[in-house]
């Protein structure tokens, strides 16, 4: 187990790479720890949860809502959780979002940590302190920014992941490459899923590289006043359509990155949309898709990045270099309406 510690504005976070679930008992006392997971993870790894206080949720984005929060809190009260307790979210992005949110409001805040079990959670959702829930089709409309005490990375937890979840996670890896790491973008172009699934060390290095990339961005801008906004590449339109069609998060963000690349062409002179869409396609992700543009735009107007009559849109200047442009609402409506659906050639 390799430990690395990072300091944020009000707290430190310990990262445990090359770790095992069994190492959790060295980090937190099982007697005063409450694990939150979902049915899919629990059924795939039942033996690991033996002798741990465990709350098992229904899986999926549809349950990342206030009703689930209320249920978790009622169970914590019944199980005797108090201000000295620790919550541990063991799962993907939905579980980590819920766990961090509940821990931030239960008894006005208790300690929490994560064992991410999906690539998406390992490289993105568990990092940075954003915890929250959805309100209807509006993603993460309610939440807090509060850092976990620790993150434990056990690659063995990925063995039960279906192919769709590999695709889901690699969307965020490709996003990181697009905005901050041209070298990683080239490595991804030269590889495939088979490359990473066959070589555990290579996968571990890729996950660590992405986890630390996001961590360093967040350290410099924890409350999203500057560079952290770049992590929203593909998310503005992606979030607007994700819950409309019950899309996997990575699939929605992939479509969002495709459209953002096209907007970049006219706004920044970006010349590599074809490379972005080809890489997304290589990892099984959707790019050009039909969707109700009018409804998507109405959802987009509720985006947290909208300020009065403009929205901060993350665009690419080149592979590995992203910028935020303020785009007027009416101009954005015209852009989204008029982008032509193409096919990858």
C-alpha atoms as a PDB file:
ATOM      1  CA  UNK A   1       0.000   0.000   0.000  1.00  0.00           C
ATOM      2  CA  UNK A   2       1.446   3.349  -1.083  1.00  0.00           C
ATOM      3  CA  UNK A   3       0.294   6.435   0.834  1.00  0.00           C
ATOM      4  CA  UNK A   4       0.395   9.965  -0.544  1.00  0.00           C
ATOM      5  CA  UNK A   5      -1.124  12.949   1.277  1.00  0.00           C
ATOM      6  CA  UNK A   6      -2.451  16.161  -0.243  1.00  0.00           C
ATOM      7  CA  UNK A   7      -3.497  19.326   1.558  1.00  0.00           C
ATOM      8  CA  UNK A   8      -6.581  21.280   0.599  1.00  0.00           C
ATOM      9  CA  UNK A   9      -7.864  24.545   2.068  1.00  0.00           C
ATOM     10  CA  UNK A  10      -9.345  23.154   5.261  1.00  0.00           C
ATOM     11  CA  UNK A  11      -8.188  19.524   5.401  1.00  0.00           C
ATOM     12  CA  UNK A  12      -5.791  16.891   4.148  1.00  0.00           C
ATOM     13  CA  UNK A  13      -6.655  13.815   2.096  1.00  0.00           C
ATOM     14  CA  UNK A  14      -4.688  10.572   2.257  1.00  0.00           C
ATOM     15  CA  UNK A  15      -4.500   8.571  -0.991  1.00  0.00           C
ATOM     16  CA  UNK A  16      -3.750   4.864  -0.637  1.00  0.00           C
ATOM     17  CA  UNK A  17      -2.632   3.468  -4.011  1.00  0.00           C
ATOM     18  CA  UNK A  18      -1.891  -0.215  -4.709  1.00  0.00           C
ATOM     19  CA  UNK A  19      -4.086  -1.024  -1.733  1.00  0.00           C
ATOM     20  CA  UNK A  20      -6.576  -3.736  -0.825  1.00  0.00           C
ATOM     21  CA  UNK A  21     -10.042  -3.519   0.719  1.00  0.00           C
ATOM     22  CA  UNK A  22      -8.607  -5.406   3.698  1.00  0.00           C
ATOM     23  CA  UNK A  23      -6.352  -2.409   4.411  1.00  0.00           C
ATOM     24  CA  UNK A  24      -9.426  -0.386   5.392  1.00  0.00           C
ATOM     25  CA  UNK A  25      -9.257  -1.616   8.969  1.00  0.00           C
ATOM     26  CA  UNK A  26      -5.840   0.092   9.306  1.00  0.00           C
ATOM     27  CA  UNK A  27      -7.430   3.414   8.350  1.00  0.00           C
ATOM     28  CA  UNK A  28     -10.684   3.346  10.307  1.00  0.00           C
ATOM     29  CA  UNK A  29     -12.025   1.329  13.252  1.00  0.00           C
ATOM     30  CA  UNK A  30     -14.711  -1.142  12.023  1.00  0.00           C
ATOM     31  CA  UNK A  31     -16.670  -0.677  15.261  1.00  0.00           C
ATOM     32  CA  UNK A  32     -17.370   2.973  14.526  1.00  0.00           C
ATOM     33  CA  UNK A  33     -17.425   2.866  10.737  1.00  0.00           C
ATOM     34  CA  UNK A  34     -20.470   2.613   8.485  1.00  0.00           C
ATOM     35  CA  UNK A  35     -20.063   1.530   4.883  1.00  0.00           C
ATOM     36  CA  UNK A  36     -22.464   2.729   2.188  1.00  0.00           C
ATOM     37  CA  UNK A  37     -22.560   0.690  -1.017  1.00  0.00           C
ATOM     38  CA  UNK A  38     -25.066  -0.477  -3.621  1.00  0.00           C
ATOM     39  CA  UNK A  39     -26.564  -3.846  -4.483  1.00  0.00           C
ATOM     40  CA  UNK A  40     -24.305  -4.443  -7.481  1.00  0.00           C
ATOM     41  CA  UNK A  41     -21.066  -3.896  -5.552  1.00  0.00           C
ATOM     42  CA  UNK A  42     -22.330  -5.756  -2.491  1.00  0.00           C
ATOM     43  CA  UNK A  43     -23.317  -8.818  -4.502  1.00  0.00           C
ATOM     44  CA  UNK A  44     -20.037  -8.855  -6.429  1.00  0.00           C
ATOM     45  CA  UNK A  45     -17.866  -8.532  -3.300  1.00  0.00           C
ATOM     46  CA  UNK A  46     -20.050  -9.849  -0.457  1.00  0.00           C
ATOM     47  CA  UNK A  47     -17.212 -11.473   1.528  1.00  0.00           C
ATOM     48  CA  UNK A  48     -15.315  -8.197   1.779  1.00  0.00           C
ATOM     49  CA  UNK A  49     -18.154  -6.602   3.765  1.00  0.00           C
ATOM     50  CA  UNK A  50     -18.176  -9.238   6.501  1.00  0.00           C
ATOM     51  CA  UNK A  51     -17.817  -7.692   9.978  1.00  0.00           C
ATOM     52  CA  UNK A  52     -18.488  -4.178   8.671  1.00  0.00           C
ATOM     53  CA  UNK A  53     -21.631  -2.130   9.415  1.00  0.00           C
ATOM     54  CA  UNK A  54     -23.099  -1.847   5.911  1.00  0.00           C
ATOM     55  CA  UNK A  55     -25.960   0.063   4.289  1.00  0.00           C
ATOM     56  CA  UNK A  56     -26.883  -1.281   0.846  1.00  0.00           C
ATOM     57  CA  UNK A  57     -28.641   1.000  -1.647  1.00  0.00           C
ATOM     58  CA  UNK A  58     -30.443   0.483  -4.916  1.00  0.00           C
ATOM     59  CA  UNK A  59     -27.969   1.134  -7.761  1.00  0.00           C
ATOM     60  CA  UNK A  60     -28.133   3.878 -10.340  1.00  0.00           C
ATOM     61  CA  UNK A  61     -28.379   7.627 -10.916  1.00  0.00           C
ATOM     62  CA  UNK A  62     -32.154   7.484 -10.381  1.00  0.00           C
ATOM     63  CA  UNK A  63     -31.466   6.969  -6.662  1.00  0.00           C
ATOM     64  CA  UNK A  64     -29.095   9.933  -6.248  1.00  0.00           C
ATOM     65  CA  UNK A  65     -31.936  11.957  -4.764  1.00  0.00           C
ATOM     66  CA  UNK A  66     -33.086  13.382  -1.450  1.00  0.00           C
ATOM     67  CA  UNK A  67     -35.305  10.378  -0.681  1.00  0.00           C
ATOM     68  CA  UNK A  68     -32.212   8.149  -0.629  1.00  0.00           C
ATOM     69  CA  UNK A  69     -30.419  10.620   1.645  1.00  0.00           C
ATOM     70  CA  UNK A  70     -33.341  10.467   4.078  1.00  0.00           C
ATOM     71  CA  UNK A  71     -33.251   6.660   4.042  1.00  0.00           C
ATOM     72  CA  UNK A  72     -29.507   6.557   4.739  1.00  0.00           C
ATOM     73  CA  UNK A  73     -29.830   9.001   7.636  1.00  0.00           C
ATOM     74  CA  UNK A  74     -32.683   7.010   9.162  1.00  0.00           C
ATOM     75  CA  UNK A  75     -30.537   3.853   9.006  1.00  0.00           C
ATOM     76  CA  UNK A  76     -27.534   5.630  10.525  1.00  0.00           C
ATOM     77  CA  UNK A  77     -29.659   6.798  13.432  1.00  0.00           C
ATOM     78  CA  UNK A  78     -31.025   3.285  13.937  1.00  0.00           C
ATOM     79  CA  UNK A  79     -27.491   1.808  13.807  1.00  0.00           C
ATOM     80  CA  UNK A  80     -26.192   4.265  16.411  1.00  0.00           C
ATOM     81  CA  UNK A  81     -23.903   6.411  14.251  1.00  0.00           C
ATOM     82  CA  UNK A  82     -22.709   9.484  16.152  1.00  0.00           C
ATOM     83  CA  UNK A  83     -20.333  12.414  15.704  1.00  0.00           C
ATOM     84  CA  UNK A  84     -17.280  10.167  16.126  1.00  0.00           C
ATOM     85  CA  UNK A  85     -18.388   7.788  13.368  1.00  0.00           C
ATOM     86  CA  UNK A  86     -16.863   7.458   9.904  1.00  0.00           C
ATOM     87  CA  UNK A  87     -18.775   6.859   6.675  1.00  0.00           C
ATOM     88  CA  UNK A  88     -17.086   4.988   3.840  1.00  0.00           C
ATOM     89  CA  UNK A  89     -18.584   5.016   0.358  1.00  0.00           C
ATOM     90  CA  UNK A  90     -17.720   1.827  -1.519  1.00  0.00           C
ATOM     91  CA  UNK A  91     -18.935   2.130  -5.079  1.00  0.00           C
ATOM     92  CA  UNK A  92     -19.096   4.311  -8.155  1.00  0.00           C
ATOM     93  CA  UNK A  93     -19.890   7.983  -8.524  1.00  0.00           C
ATOM     94  CA  UNK A  94     -23.460   7.751  -7.261  1.00  0.00           C
ATOM     95  CA  UNK A  95     -22.363   6.075  -4.028  1.00  0.00           C
ATOM     96  CA  UNK A  96     -19.457   8.468  -3.438  1.00  0.00           C
ATOM     97  CA  UNK A  97     -21.649  11.511  -4.126  1.00  0.00           C
ATOM     98  CA  UNK A  98     -24.308  10.299  -1.705  1.00  0.00           C
ATOM     99  CA  UNK A  99     -21.822   9.269   0.985  1.00  0.00           C
ATOM    100  CA  UNK A 100     -19.957  12.568   0.937  1.00  0.00           C
ATOM    101  CA  UNK A 101     -23.204  14.528   0.993  1.00  0.00           C
ATOM    102  CA  UNK A 102     -24.699  12.558   3.889  1.00  0.00           C
ATOM    103  CA  UNK A 103     -21.451  12.754   5.868  1.00  0.00           C
ATOM    104  CA  UNK A 104     -21.395  16.520   5.358  1.00  0.00           C
ATOM    105  CA  UNK A 105     -24.869  17.071   6.795  1.00  0.00           C
ATOM    106  CA  UNK A 106     -25.316  14.203   9.315  1.00  0.00           C
ATOM    107  CA  UNK A 107     -24.936  15.723  12.798  1.00  0.00           C
ATOM    108  CA  UNK A 108     -23.492  18.778  10.975  1.00  0.00           C
ATOM    109  CA  UNK A 109     -20.620  16.797   9.536  1.00  0.00           C
ATOM    110  CA  UNK A 110     -18.704  13.596  10.274  1.00  0.00           C
ATOM    111  CA  UNK A 111     -15.551  11.977   8.883  1.00  0.00           C
ATOM    112  CA  UNK A 112     -15.784  10.083   5.597  1.00  0.00           C
ATOM    113  CA  UNK A 113     -13.690   8.334   2.966  1.00  0.00           C
ATOM    114  CA  UNK A 114     -14.107   6.426  -0.274  1.00  0.00           C
ATOM    115  CA  UNK A 115     -13.190   3.119  -1.859  1.00  0.00           C
ATOM    116  CA  UNK A 116     -14.063   3.821  -5.500  1.00  0.00           C
ATOM    117  CA  UNK A 117     -15.015   0.674  -7.407  1.00  0.00           C
ATOM    118  CA  UNK A 118     -15.360   2.036 -10.941  1.00  0.00           C
ATOM    119  CA  UNK A 119     -12.815   3.746 -13.182  1.00  0.00           C
ATOM    120  CA  UNK A 120     -15.073   6.798 -13.305  1.00  0.00           C
ATOM    121  CA  UNK A 121     -15.058   7.062  -9.519  1.00  0.00           C
ATOM    122  CA  UNK A 122     -11.307   6.363  -9.256  1.00  0.00           C
ATOM    123  CA  UNK A 123     -10.255   9.111 -11.647  1.00  0.00           C
ATOM    124  CA  UNK A 124     -13.021  11.661 -11.156  1.00  0.00           C
ATOM    125  CA  UNK A 125     -16.106  11.294  -8.974  1.00  0.00           C
ATOM    126  CA  UNK A 126     -14.343  10.482  -5.684  1.00  0.00           C
ATOM    127  CA  UNK A 127     -11.774  13.285  -6.043  1.00  0.00           C
ATOM    128  CA  UNK A 128     -12.177  16.955  -5.273  1.00  0.00           C
ATOM    129  CA  UNK A 129     -14.812  17.123  -2.567  1.00  0.00           C
ATOM    130  CA  UNK A 130     -17.905  17.710  -4.697  1.00  0.00           C
ATOM    131  CA  UNK A 131     -20.769  15.779  -3.102  1.00  0.00           C
ATOM    132  CA  UNK A 132     -24.415  16.148  -4.024  1.00  0.00           C
ATOM    133  CA  UNK A 133     -27.700  14.933  -5.391  1.00  0.00           C
ATOM    134  CA  UNK A 134     -29.904  15.479  -8.424  1.00  0.00           C
ATOM    135  CA  UNK A 135     -33.205  17.351  -8.478  1.00  0.00           C
ATOM    136  CA  UNK A 136     -35.326  15.928 -11.281  1.00  0.00           C
ATOM    137  CA  UNK A 137     -33.322  16.123 -14.519  1.00  0.00           C
ATOM    138  CA  UNK A 138     -30.966  18.717 -13.021  1.00  0.00           C
ATOM    139  CA  UNK A 139     -27.632  17.097 -12.185  1.00  0.00           C
ATOM    140  CA  UNK A 140     -25.951  17.861  -8.842  1.00  0.00           C
ATOM    141  CA  UNK A 141     -28.192  20.853  -8.226  1.00  0.00           C
ATOM    142  CA  UNK A 142     -27.868  20.457  -4.436  1.00  0.00           C
ATOM    143  CA  UNK A 143     -24.591  19.705  -2.708  1.00  0.00           C
ATOM    144  CA  UNK A 144     -21.462  20.761  -0.861  1.00  0.00           C
ATOM    145  CA  UNK A 145     -17.709  20.907  -1.398  1.00  0.00           C
ATOM    146  CA  UNK A 146     -16.062  18.946   1.431  1.00  0.00           C
ATOM    147  CA  UNK A 147     -12.997  16.752   1.112  1.00  0.00           C
ATOM    148  CA  UNK A 148     -12.929  13.089   2.162  1.00  0.00           C
ATOM    149  CA  UNK A 149     -10.358  12.052   4.755  1.00  0.00           C
ATOM    150  CA  UNK A 150      -9.031   9.272   2.549  1.00  0.00           C
ATOM    151  CA  UNK A 151      -9.268   7.447  -0.769  1.00  0.00           C
ATOM    152  CA  UNK A 152      -8.346   3.759  -0.987  1.00  0.00           C
ATOM    153  CA  UNK A 153      -7.578   2.316  -4.435  1.00  0.00           C
ATOM    154  CA  UNK A 154      -8.081  -1.445  -4.837  1.00  0.00           C
ATOM    155  CA  UNK A 155      -7.837  -2.407  -8.524  1.00  0.00           C
ATOM    156  CA  UNK A 156      -9.309  -5.833  -7.718  1.00  0.00           C
ATOM    157  CA  UNK A 157     -12.646  -4.072  -7.286  1.00  0.00           C
ATOM    158  CA  UNK A 158     -12.651  -3.401 -11.048  1.00  0.00           C
ATOM    159  CA  UNK A 159     -12.805  -7.117 -11.903  1.00  0.00           C
ATOM    160  CA  UNK A 160     -16.595  -7.157 -11.696  1.00  0.00           C
ATOM    161  CA  UNK A 161     -17.038  -4.079 -13.923  1.00  0.00           C
ATOM    162  CA  UNK A 162     -19.079  -4.626 -17.097  1.00  0.00           C
ATOM    163  CA  UNK A 163     -17.681  -3.263 -20.358  1.00  0.00           C
ATOM    164  CA  UNK A 164     -20.103  -0.332 -20.299  1.00  0.00           C
ATOM    165  CA  UNK A 165     -18.524   0.889 -17.061  1.00  0.00           C
ATOM    166  CA  UNK A 166     -15.035   0.753 -18.564  1.00  0.00           C
ATOM    167  CA  UNK A 167     -16.316   2.971 -21.365  1.00  0.00           C
ATOM    168  CA  UNK A 168     -17.992   5.244 -18.832  1.00  0.00           C
ATOM    169  CA  UNK A 169     -14.743   5.783 -16.932  1.00  0.00           C
ATOM    170  CA  UNK A 170     -12.538   6.286 -19.955  1.00  0.00           C
ATOM    171  CA  UNK A 171     -14.676   9.257 -20.998  1.00  0.00           C
ATOM    172  CA  UNK A 172     -13.316  11.163 -18.002  1.00  0.00           C
ATOM    173  CA  UNK A 173      -9.759   9.965 -18.705  1.00  0.00           C
ATOM    174  CA  UNK A 174     -10.069  11.260 -22.276  1.00  0.00           C
ATOM    175  CA  UNK A 175     -11.476  14.521 -20.880  1.00  0.00           C
ATOM    176  CA  UNK A 176      -8.396  14.948 -18.683  1.00  0.00           C
ATOM    177  CA  UNK A 177      -6.131  14.295 -21.665  1.00  0.00           C
ATOM    178  CA  UNK A 178      -8.023  16.844 -23.759  1.00  0.00           C
ATOM    179  CA  UNK A 179      -7.769  19.652 -21.231  1.00  0.00           C
ATOM    180  CA  UNK A 180      -4.428  19.065 -19.499  1.00  0.00           C
ATOM    181  CA  UNK A 181      -2.285  16.232 -20.871  1.00  0.00           C
ATOM    182  CA  UNK A 182      -1.423  15.978 -24.573  1.00  0.00           C
ATOM    183  CA  UNK A 183       1.080  13.211 -23.863  1.00  0.00           C
ATOM    184  CA  UNK A 184      -1.598  11.037 -22.254  1.00  0.00           C
ATOM    185  CA  UNK A 185      -3.876  11.745 -25.234  1.00  0.00           C
ATOM    186  CA  UNK A 186      -1.207  10.268 -27.543  1.00  0.00           C
ATOM    187  CA  UNK A 187      -0.759   7.221 -25.296  1.00  0.00           C
ATOM    188  CA  UNK A 188      -4.503   6.597 -25.379  1.00  0.00           C
ATOM    189  CA  UNK A 189      -4.496   6.828 -29.175  1.00  0.00           C
ATOM    190  CA  UNK A 190      -1.848   4.092 -29.300  1.00  0.00           C
ATOM    191  CA  UNK A 191      -3.672   1.744 -26.907  1.00  0.00           C
ATOM    192  CA  UNK A 192      -7.085   0.066 -26.456  1.00  0.00           C
ATOM    193  CA  UNK A 193      -9.163  -1.338 -23.607  1.00  0.00           C
ATOM    194  CA  UNK A 194      -7.407  -4.665 -24.161  1.00  0.00           C
ATOM    195  CA  UNK A 195      -4.044  -2.995 -23.487  1.00  0.00           C
ATOM    196  CA  UNK A 196      -5.090  -1.725 -20.072  1.00  0.00           C
ATOM    197  CA  UNK A 197      -7.117  -4.753 -19.027  1.00  0.00           C
ATOM    198  CA  UNK A 198      -4.220  -7.067 -19.837  1.00  0.00           C
ATOM    199  CA  UNK A 199      -1.593  -5.092 -17.910  1.00  0.00           C
ATOM    200  CA  UNK A 200      -2.538  -4.286 -14.312  1.00  0.00           C
ATOM    201  CA  UNK A 201       0.531  -2.084 -13.771  1.00  0.00           C
ATOM    202  CA  UNK A 202      -0.277  -0.006 -16.860  1.00  0.00           C
ATOM    203  CA  UNK A 203      -3.885   0.425 -15.696  1.00  0.00           C
ATOM    204  CA  UNK A 204      -2.761   1.349 -12.196  1.00  0.00           C
ATOM    205  CA  UNK A 205      -0.358   3.952 -13.553  1.00  0.00           C
ATOM    206  CA  UNK A 206      -3.080   5.436 -15.783  1.00  0.00           C
ATOM    207  CA  UNK A 207      -5.559   5.686 -12.913  1.00  0.00           C
ATOM    208  CA  UNK A 208      -2.955   7.234 -10.608  1.00  0.00           C
ATOM    209  CA  UNK A 209      -1.921   9.728 -13.311  1.00  0.00           C
ATOM    210  CA  UNK A 210      -5.520  10.852 -13.727  1.00  0.00           C
ATOM    211  CA  UNK A 211      -6.264  10.934 -10.009  1.00  0.00           C
ATOM    212  CA  UNK A 212      -3.256  13.151  -9.352  1.00  0.00           C
ATOM    213  CA  UNK A 213      -3.991  15.359 -12.371  1.00  0.00           C
ATOM    214  CA  UNK A 214      -7.434  16.176 -11.006  1.00  0.00           C
ATOM    215  CA  UNK A 215      -6.108  16.483  -7.454  1.00  0.00           C
ATOM    216  CA  UNK A 216      -3.548  19.110  -8.449  1.00  0.00           C
ATOM    217  CA  UNK A 217      -6.178  21.114 -10.330  1.00  0.00           C
ATOM    218  CA  UNK A 218      -8.482  21.044  -7.307  1.00  0.00           C
ATOM    219  CA  UNK A 219      -5.672  21.957  -4.896  1.00  0.00           C
ATOM    220  CA  UNK A 220      -5.072  25.169  -6.825  1.00  0.00           C
ATOM    221  CA  UNK A 221      -8.773  26.008  -7.174  1.00  0.00           C
ATOM    222  CA  UNK A 222     -10.827  24.046  -4.667  1.00  0.00           C
ATOM    223  CA  UNK A 223     -13.976  26.164  -4.941  1.00  0.00           C
ATOM    224  CA  UNK A 224     -14.049  26.466  -8.741  1.00  0.00           C
ATOM    225  CA  UNK A 225     -13.136  30.111  -9.253  1.00  0.00           C
ATOM    226  CA  UNK A 226     -10.561  29.450 -11.975  1.00  0.00           C
ATOM    227  CA  UNK A 227      -8.817  26.410 -13.458  1.00  0.00           C
ATOM    228  CA  UNK A 228     -11.121  23.856 -11.831  1.00  0.00           C
ATOM    229  CA  UNK A 229     -13.815  24.998 -14.243  1.00  0.00           C
ATOM    230  CA  UNK A 230     -11.815  23.301 -17.006  1.00  0.00           C
ATOM    231  CA  UNK A 231     -12.811  19.929 -15.536  1.00  0.00           C
ATOM    232  CA  UNK A 232     -16.308  20.682 -16.852  1.00  0.00           C
ATOM    233  CA  UNK A 233     -15.213  20.089 -20.455  1.00  0.00           C
ATOM    234  CA  UNK A 234     -18.124  18.243 -22.101  1.00  0.00           C
ATOM    235  CA  UNK A 235     -20.268  18.527 -18.983  1.00  0.00           C
ATOM    236  CA  UNK A 236     -22.440  21.531 -19.843  1.00  0.00           C
ATOM    237  CA  UNK A 237     -24.354  19.875 -22.663  1.00  0.00           C
ATOM    238  CA  UNK A 238     -23.590  16.409 -21.265  1.00  0.00           C
ATOM    239  CA  UNK A 239     -25.419  17.104 -18.009  1.00  0.00           C
ATOM    240  CA  UNK A 240     -28.290  18.678 -19.948  1.00  0.00           C
ATOM    241  CA  UNK A 241     -29.004  15.421 -21.805  1.00  0.00           C
ATOM    242  CA  UNK A 242     -27.826  12.811 -19.276  1.00  0.00           C
ATOM    243  CA  UNK A 243     -30.997  12.452 -17.255  1.00  0.00           C
ATOM    244  CA  UNK A 244     -33.259  13.229 -20.217  1.00  0.00           C
ATOM    245  CA  UNK A 245     -32.347   9.871 -21.743  1.00  0.00           C
ATOM    246  CA  UNK A 246     -30.990   8.037 -18.675  1.00  0.00           C
ATOM    247  CA  UNK A 247     -27.582   7.979 -20.319  1.00  0.00           C
ATOM    248  CA  UNK A 248     -24.485   6.690 -18.570  1.00  0.00           C
ATOM    249  CA  UNK A 249     -22.514   9.690 -17.339  1.00  0.00           C
ATOM    250  CA  UNK A 250     -19.510   8.969 -19.540  1.00  0.00           C
ATOM    251  CA  UNK A 251     -21.675   8.562 -22.634  1.00  0.00           C
ATOM    252  CA  UNK A 252     -23.386  11.890 -22.026  1.00  0.00           C
ATOM    253  CA  UNK A 253     -20.052  13.628 -21.417  1.00  0.00           C
ATOM    254  CA  UNK A 254     -18.615  12.077 -24.579  1.00  0.00           C
ATOM    255  CA  UNK A 255     -21.420  13.618 -26.637  1.00  0.00           C
ATOM    256  CA  UNK A 256     -20.828  16.877 -24.775  1.00  0.00           C
ATOM    257  CA  UNK A 257     -17.108  16.798 -25.617  1.00  0.00           C
ATOM    258  CA  UNK A 258     -17.940  16.242 -29.281  1.00  0.00           C
ATOM    259  CA  UNK A 259     -20.136  19.336 -29.393  1.00  0.00           C
ATOM    260  CA  UNK A 260     -17.676  21.376 -27.314  1.00  0.00           C
ATOM    261  CA  UNK A 261     -14.939  20.491 -29.798  1.00  0.00           C
ATOM    262  CA  UNK A 262     -17.078  21.834 -32.637  1.00  0.00           C
ATOM    263  CA  UNK A 263     -17.851  25.021 -30.728  1.00  0.00           C
ATOM    264  CA  UNK A 264     -14.106  25.352 -30.152  1.00  0.00           C
ATOM    265  CA  UNK A 265     -13.489  25.371 -33.903  1.00  0.00           C
ATOM    266  CA  UNK A 266     -15.303  28.675 -34.344  1.00  0.00           C
ATOM    267  CA  UNK A 267     -14.377  30.195 -30.984  1.00  0.00           C
ATOM    268  CA  UNK A 268     -10.680  29.308 -30.555  1.00  0.00           C
ATOM    269  CA  UNK A 269      -9.636  27.977 -33.953  1.00  0.00           C
ATOM    270  CA  UNK A 270      -9.322  24.419 -32.603  1.00  0.00           C
ATOM    271  CA  UNK A 271      -8.296  22.086 -35.430  1.00  0.00           C
ATOM    272  CA  UNK A 272      -8.461  18.585 -33.942  1.00  0.00           C
ATOM    273  CA  UNK A 273     -12.136  17.718 -33.501  1.00  0.00           C
ATOM    274  CA  UNK A 274     -11.588  14.611 -35.647  1.00  0.00           C
ATOM    275  CA  UNK A 275      -8.850  13.370 -33.283  1.00  0.00           C
ATOM    276  CA  UNK A 276     -11.113  13.858 -30.270  1.00  0.00           C
ATOM    277  CA  UNK A 277     -14.069  12.053 -31.823  1.00  0.00           C
ATOM    278  CA  UNK A 278     -11.852   9.263 -33.171  1.00  0.00           C
ATOM    279  CA  UNK A 279     -10.388   8.653 -29.715  1.00  0.00           C
ATOM    280  CA  UNK A 280     -13.839   8.604 -28.137  1.00  0.00           C
ATOM    281  CA  UNK A 281     -14.944   6.124 -30.784  1.00  0.00           C
ATOM    282  CA  UNK A 282     -11.854   3.946 -30.152  1.00  0.00           C
ATOM    283  CA  UNK A 283     -12.997   3.513 -26.545  1.00  0.00           C
ATOM    284  CA  UNK A 284     -16.585   2.697 -27.476  1.00  0.00           C
ATOM    285  CA  UNK A 285     -18.061   6.083 -26.630  1.00  0.00           C
ATOM    286  CA  UNK A 286     -20.836   7.902 -28.548  1.00  0.00           C
ATOM    287  CA  UNK A 287     -20.036  11.151 -30.313  1.00  0.00           C
ATOM    288  CA  UNK A 288     -22.692  12.431 -32.732  1.00  0.00           C
ATOM    289  CA  UNK A 289     -26.177  11.738 -31.458  1.00  0.00           C
ATOM    290  CA  UNK A 290     -29.727  12.854 -32.079  1.00  0.00           C
ATOM    291  CA  UNK A 291     -31.440  14.454 -29.105  1.00  0.00           C
ATOM    292  CA  UNK A 292     -34.202  16.939 -28.397  1.00  0.00           C
ATOM    293  CA  UNK A 293     -32.151  20.098 -28.754  1.00  0.00           C
ATOM    294  CA  UNK A 294     -34.915  22.407 -27.542  1.00  0.00           C
ATOM    295  CA  UNK A 295     -35.383  20.467 -24.299  1.00  0.00           C
ATOM    296  CA  UNK A 296     -31.635  20.048 -23.842  1.00  0.00           C
ATOM    297  CA  UNK A 297     -31.191  23.793 -24.136  1.00  0.00           C
ATOM    298  CA  UNK A 298     -33.947  24.428 -21.585  1.00  0.00           C
ATOM    299  CA  UNK A 299     -32.140  22.068 -19.172  1.00  0.00           C
ATOM    300  CA  UNK A 300     -28.857  23.786 -19.922  1.00  0.00           C
ATOM    301  CA  UNK A 301     -30.337  27.109 -18.786  1.00  0.00           C
ATOM    302  CA  UNK A 302     -30.493  25.655 -15.253  1.00  0.00           C
ATOM    303  CA  UNK A 303     -26.771  24.826 -15.311  1.00  0.00           C
ATOM    304  CA  UNK A 304     -24.855  26.141 -12.287  1.00  0.00           C
ATOM    305  CA  UNK A 305     -22.319  27.770 -14.629  1.00  0.00           C
ATOM    306  CA  UNK A 306     -24.950  30.127 -16.055  1.00  0.00           C
ATOM    307  CA  UNK A 307     -24.626  33.691 -14.775  1.00  0.00           C
ATOM    308  CA  UNK A 308     -27.381  36.058 -15.911  1.00  0.00           C
ATOM    309  CA  UNK A 309     -27.394  35.889 -19.720  1.00  0.00           C
ATOM    310  CA  UNK A 310     -24.102  34.064 -20.255  1.00  0.00           C
ATOM    311  CA  UNK A 311     -22.659  30.662 -19.563  1.00  0.00           C
ATOM    312  CA  UNK A 312     -19.016  29.757 -19.065  1.00  0.00           C
ATOM    313  CA  UNK A 313     -18.293  27.096 -21.691  1.00  0.00           C
ATOM    314  CA  UNK A 314     -15.102  25.023 -21.592  1.00  0.00           C
ATOM    315  CA  UNK A 315     -13.450  24.872 -25.007  1.00  0.00           C
ATOM    316  CA  UNK A 316     -10.176  23.576 -26.431  1.00  0.00           C
ATOM    317  CA  UNK A 317      -7.435  25.711 -27.954  1.00  0.00           C
ATOM    318  CA  UNK A 318      -5.442  22.575 -28.711  1.00  0.00           C
ATOM    319  CA  UNK A 319      -5.141  19.020 -27.386  1.00  0.00           C
ATOM    320  CA  UNK A 320      -3.995  19.438 -23.776  1.00  0.00           C
ATOM    321  CA  UNK A 321      -5.012  23.098 -23.490  1.00  0.00           C
ATOM    322  CA  UNK A 322      -8.520  24.186 -22.458  1.00  0.00           C
ATOM    323  CA  UNK A 323     -10.006  27.620 -21.810  1.00  0.00           C
ATOM    324  CA  UNK A 324     -13.326  29.003 -20.565  1.00  0.00           C
ATOM    325  CA  UNK A 325     -15.300  31.293 -22.876  1.00  0.00           C
ATOM    326  CA  UNK A 326     -18.408  33.198 -21.822  1.00  0.00           C
ATOM    327  CA  UNK A 327     -21.071  32.631 -24.459  1.00  0.00           C
ATOM    328  CA  UNK A 328     -24.335  34.535 -24.607  1.00  0.00           C
ATOM    329  CA  UNK A 329     -27.438  32.416 -24.116  1.00  0.00           C
ATOM    330  CA  UNK A 330     -28.992  33.254 -27.472  1.00  0.00           C
ATOM    331  CA  UNK A 331     -25.715  32.680 -29.295  1.00  0.00           C
ATOM    332  CA  UNK A 332     -25.347  29.321 -27.576  1.00  0.00           C
ATOM    333  CA  UNK A 333     -28.906  28.389 -28.536  1.00  0.00           C
ATOM    334  CA  UNK A 334     -28.040  29.085 -32.171  1.00  0.00           C
ATOM    335  CA  UNK A 335     -24.773  27.123 -31.993  1.00  0.00           C
ATOM    336  CA  UNK A 336     -26.344  24.014 -30.450  1.00  0.00           C
ATOM    337  CA  UNK A 337     -29.291  24.128 -32.832  1.00  0.00           C
ATOM    338  CA  UNK A 338     -27.136  24.424 -35.920  1.00  0.00           C
ATOM    339  CA  UNK A 339     -24.265  22.008 -35.284  1.00  0.00           C
ATOM    340  CA  UNK A 340     -24.578  19.388 -37.969  1.00  0.00           C
ATOM    341  CA  UNK A 341     -24.714  15.703 -37.012  1.00  0.00           C
ATOM    342  CA  UNK A 342     -21.861  13.901 -38.743  1.00  0.00           C
ATOM    343  CA  UNK A 343     -20.378  10.453 -38.915  1.00  0.00           C
ATOM    344  CA  UNK A 344     -16.833   9.459 -38.076  1.00  0.00           C
ATOM    345  CA  UNK A 345     -15.012   8.591 -41.288  1.00  0.00           C
END
